[in-house]
Amino acid sequence: MPVKAILTDIEGTTSAVSFVFDVLFPYAVEHLPAFVLEHAHEPQVAQLLDAVREDSAEPEADTIRVIEILLQWIADDRKATPLKALQGMIWQQGYANGQLKGHVYPDAVEALKRWKQQGYALYVYSSGSIQAQKLIFGCSEAGDLSPLFSGYFDTTSGPKREVGSYQRIAEAIGLPAEAIVFLSDVVEELDAAQQAGMQTIGLVRKGGELAGHECVASFALINL
């Protein structure tokens, strides 16, 4: 079946892993304590803090303890939805004041623009929150890329290494899974997407291979 939509990962695919670990995570660590203390009383933040208490099985944790848990989750690179949402809020401030600019590889920028012009529908699926995804592309070094995308998916659609997540995404997009190609640098994610019926292409920017999948070193080498 011909490809009608492209679903892309971010970290290691459209964007450098180092941007997340060397820029975004340290920024969140630095600013999270003050952000939580300042905004803990706001309904949206309070709901997220309660979710942290529930997820950590510490229902009586005070705000300082919740901050400690969140910082440990960042250190562990835990894919916890309330953490991702709070990080997104913190990063939004950084992007708004010009301290952060989203990294997107030039070859990815060029390909995404070309695919959009050719009529493909573009979507993002990342473990980072939808808010964080929009910020990376909307406040990127290459300018505002957000008009290129028709939708965003995060862990609220399910873990990235589970087949059901890709089935739900295909249903949400409104296309047969076979009409969607998924781009990622993680073989377990590609495996899950493939098992859900999607076409797959692996990004191996530093060389190598992702067994069972077509692999390229650059978006410029992707032939749809």
Protein backbone atom coordinates (compact mmCIF):
# COMPACT_ATOMS: atom_id res chain seq x y z
CA MET A 1 0.00 0.00 0.00
CA PRO A 2 1.40 3.45 -0.89
CA VAL A 3 2.46 5.68 1.98
CA LYS A 4 -0.01 8.42 2.85
CA ALA A 5 1.31 9.51 6.25
CA ILE A 6 4.68 9.72 7.97
CA LEU A 7 4.98 9.23 11.72
CA THR A 8 8.35 10.28 13.12
CA ASP A 9 10.19 9.92 16.38
CA ILE A 10 12.20 12.95 17.57
CA GLU A 11 15.14 11.97 19.77
CA GLY A 12 17.88 10.46 17.62
CA THR A 13 15.69 10.73 14.52
CA THR A 14 14.75 14.31 13.64
CA SER A 15 16.87 15.72 16.44
CA ALA A 16 20.12 15.00 18.26
CA VAL A 17 19.92 12.90 21.41
CA SER A 18 22.48 15.28 22.89
CA PHE A 19 19.99 18.15 22.66
CA VAL A 20 17.69 16.32 25.06
CA PHE A 21 20.35 15.09 27.47
CA ASP A 22 22.79 18.01 27.33
CA VAL A 23 20.35 20.92 26.98
CA LEU A 24 16.73 20.12 27.86
CA PHE A 25 17.24 17.80 30.84
CA PRO A 26 19.78 20.07 32.60
CA TYR A 27 17.49 23.05 32.01
CA ALA A 28 14.59 21.18 33.62
CA VAL A 29 16.74 20.08 36.58
CA GLU A 30 17.87 23.66 37.17
CA HIS A 31 14.44 25.23 36.97
CA LEU A 32 12.07 22.49 38.24
CA PRO A 33 12.30 23.19 42.00
CA ALA A 34 11.47 26.90 41.67
CA PHE A 35 8.78 26.21 39.07
CA VAL A 36 6.99 23.64 41.24
CA LEU A 37 7.18 25.81 44.36
CA GLU A 38 5.82 28.80 42.46
CA HIS A 39 3.00 27.00 40.64
CA ALA A 40 2.06 24.13 42.99
CA HIS A 41 -1.23 25.80 43.90
CA GLU A 42 -2.40 26.05 40.29
CA PRO A 43 -4.97 23.35 39.38
CA GLN A 44 -3.09 21.90 36.39
CA VAL A 45 0.21 21.65 38.26
CA ALA A 46 -1.46 20.41 41.45
CA GLN A 47 -3.08 17.59 39.46
CA LEU A 48 0.31 16.57 38.07
CA LEU A 49 1.90 16.62 41.52
CA ASP A 50 -0.88 14.37 42.80
CA ALA A 51 -0.15 12.00 39.90
CA VAL A 52 3.50 11.89 41.00
CA ARG A 53 2.41 10.99 44.52
CA GLU A 54 0.20 8.22 43.15
CA ASP A 55 2.83 6.85 40.76
CA SER A 56 5.47 6.81 43.48
CA ALA A 57 3.12 5.29 46.10
CA GLU A 58 3.76 8.25 48.41
CA PRO A 59 0.29 9.80 48.77
CA GLU A 60 1.33 11.96 51.74
CA ALA A 61 4.47 13.39 50.14
CA ASP A 62 4.83 17.14 50.62
CA THR A 63 5.89 19.45 47.81
CA ILE A 64 9.60 19.23 48.65
CA ARG A 65 9.45 15.44 48.58
CA VAL A 66 7.61 15.50 45.24
CA ILE A 67 10.38 17.71 43.84
CA GLU A 68 12.96 15.16 45.03
CA ILE A 69 11.03 12.36 43.30
CA LEU A 70 10.81 14.33 40.07
CA LEU A 71 14.52 15.09 40.05
CA GLN A 72 15.28 11.41 40.60
CA TRP A 73 12.97 10.49 37.73
CA ILE A 74 14.88 12.89 35.47
CA ALA A 75 18.17 11.30 36.55
CA ASP A 76 16.71 7.86 35.77
CA ASP A 77 15.28 9.07 32.41
CA ARG A 78 11.92 7.72 33.53
CA LYS A 79 9.14 8.02 30.95
CA ALA A 80 6.54 9.20 33.47
CA THR A 81 3.66 11.20 32.01
CA PRO A 82 3.36 13.77 34.87
CA LEU A 83 7.11 14.41 34.72
CA LYS A 84 6.98 14.92 30.95
CA ALA A 85 4.09 17.36 31.33
CA LEU A 86 5.92 19.41 33.98
CA GLN A 87 9.11 19.41 31.93
CA GLY A 88 7.08 20.72 29.00
CA MET A 89 5.82 23.63 31.07
CA ILE A 90 9.34 24.48 32.22
CA TRP A 91 10.75 24.24 28.72
CA GLN A 92 7.93 26.45 27.42
CA GLN A 93 9.23 29.22 29.64
CA GLY A 94 12.75 28.65 28.32
CA TYR A 95 11.63 28.78 24.70
CA ALA A 96 9.47 31.85 25.37
CA ASN A 97 12.35 33.83 26.87
CA GLY A 98 14.79 32.75 24.16
CA GLN A 99 16.99 30.56 26.38
CA LEU A 100 16.08 27.44 24.37
CA LYS A 101 15.94 26.71 20.63
CA GLY A 102 14.81 23.31 19.36
CA HIS A 103 17.39 21.26 17.47
CA VAL A 104 16.24 19.64 14.22
CA TYR A 105 18.75 18.19 11.76
CA PRO A 106 18.91 20.20 8.49
CA ASP A 107 18.27 17.04 6.44
CA ALA A 108 15.12 16.41 8.49
CA VAL A 109 13.91 20.00 8.00
CA GLU A 110 14.40 19.75 4.23
CA ALA A 111 12.70 16.36 3.94
CA LEU A 112 9.74 17.28 6.15
CA LYS A 113 9.10 20.41 4.08
CA ARG A 114 9.36 18.44 0.84
CA TRP A 115 7.01 15.69 2.06
CA LYS A 116 4.48 18.27 3.18
CA GLN A 117 4.55 19.87 -0.27
CA GLN A 118 4.13 16.44 -1.86
CA GLY A 119 0.93 15.89 0.11
CA TYR A 120 2.01 13.48 2.83
CA ALA A 121 0.43 13.96 6.25
CA LEU A 122 3.12 14.34 8.92
CA TYR A 123 2.80 13.25 12.56
CA VAL A 124 5.11 13.01 15.58
CA TYR A 125 5.29 10.23 18.19
CA SER A 126 7.74 10.81 21.02
CA SER A 127 8.11 9.88 24.68
CA GLY A 128 8.31 13.61 25.37
CA SER A 129 4.98 15.33 26.02
CA ILE A 130 2.97 16.74 23.12
CA GLN A 131 3.66 20.19 24.53
CA ALA A 132 7.42 19.53 24.46
CA GLN A 133 7.17 18.20 20.90
CA LYS A 134 5.38 21.33 19.73
CA LEU A 135 8.04 23.50 21.35
CA ILE A 136 10.97 21.70 19.69
CA PHE A 137 9.44 22.17 16.24
CA GLY A 138 7.66 25.46 16.86
CA CYS A 139 10.73 27.19 18.33
CA SER A 140 13.42 25.41 16.33
CA GLU A 141 16.74 26.73 15.11
CA ALA A 142 15.19 26.52 11.62
CA GLY A 143 12.16 28.60 12.62
CA ASP A 144 8.56 27.58 13.22
CA LEU A 145 8.09 24.11 11.73
CA SER A 146 4.77 23.41 13.46
CA PRO A 147 2.63 24.11 10.33
CA LEU A 148 4.18 21.00 8.76
CA PHE A 149 2.49 18.62 11.20
CA SER A 150 -1.06 17.33 11.31
CA GLY A 151 -0.82 15.89 14.83
CA TYR A 152 1.30 14.77 17.76
CA PHE A 153 1.29 11.64 19.94
CA ASP A 154 3.04 10.92 23.25
CA THR A 155 2.92 8.28 25.99
CA THR A 156 -0.78 8.99 26.55
CA SER A 157 -1.22 6.82 23.43
CA GLY A 158 0.81 4.08 25.11
CA PRO A 159 4.47 3.05 25.48
CA LYS A 160 6.57 3.32 22.33
CA ARG A 161 7.64 -0.31 22.41
CA GLU A 162 4.11 -1.76 22.52
CA VAL A 163 2.17 -2.81 19.42
CA GLY A 164 -1.11 -1.46 20.75
CA SER A 165 0.25 2.08 20.82
CA TYR A 166 0.77 2.09 17.07
CA GLN A 167 -2.63 0.52 16.46
CA ARG A 168 -4.24 3.33 18.46
CA ILE A 169 -2.25 5.96 16.58
CA ALA A 170 -3.25 4.54 13.20
CA GLU A 171 -6.88 4.62 14.32
CA ALA A 172 -6.51 8.22 15.50
CA ILE A 173 -4.90 9.24 12.20
CA GLY A 174 -7.73 7.52 10.35
CA LEU A 175 -5.61 5.49 7.96
CA PRO A 176 -4.80 1.78 7.66
CA ALA A 177 -1.54 1.07 9.47
CA GLU A 178 -0.08 -0.13 6.15
CA ALA A 179 -0.40 3.42 4.75
CA ILE A 180 1.79 4.88 7.51
CA VAL A 181 5.59 4.77 7.67
CA PHE A 182 7.23 5.11 11.07
CA LEU A 183 10.72 6.60 11.44
CA SER A 184 12.83 5.86 14.54
CA ASP A 185 16.34 5.07 15.72
CA VAL A 186 15.18 2.40 18.21
CA VAL A 187 14.72 -1.14 16.94
CA GLU A 188 12.15 -2.10 19.61
CA GLU A 189 9.95 0.81 18.53
CA LEU A 190 10.31 -0.14 14.87
CA ASP A 191 9.47 -3.76 15.72
CA ALA A 192 6.27 -2.71 17.51
CA ALA A 193 5.20 -0.43 14.66
CA GLN A 194 5.93 -3.16 12.13
CA GLN A 195 3.90 -5.70 14.09
CA ALA A 196 1.01 -3.20 14.11
CA GLY A 197 1.18 -3.19 10.30
CA MET A 198 3.09 0.03 9.67
CA GLN A 199 5.95 0.38 7.25
CA THR A 200 9.22 1.26 8.98
CA ILE A 201 12.52 3.02 8.30
CA GLY A 202 15.34 3.12 10.83
CA LEU A 203 17.62 6.12 11.27
CA VAL A 204 21.25 5.17 11.93
CA ARG A 205 22.99 8.53 11.84
CA LYS A 206 26.26 7.11 13.16
CA GLY A 207 26.10 3.98 11.03
CA GLY A 208 25.11 0.42 11.86
CA GLU A 209 21.80 -1.31 11.34
CA LEU A 210 18.48 -1.98 13.02
CA ALA A 211 17.76 -5.62 12.26
CA GLY A 212 14.63 -6.31 10.26
CA HIS A 213 14.17 -2.76 8.97
CA GLU A 214 15.33 -0.62 6.08
CA CYS A 215 17.92 1.78 7.48
CA VAL A 216 19.31 5.13 6.34
CA ALA A 217 21.89 7.55 7.76
CA SER A 218 19.94 10.67 6.78
CA PHE A 219 16.43 11.85 5.91
CA ALA A 220 17.89 12.80 2.52
CA LEU A 221 18.28 9.08 1.74
CA ILE A 222 14.65 8.15 2.47
CA ASN A 223 12.80 7.09 -0.66
CA LEU A 224 9.04 6.93 -0.20
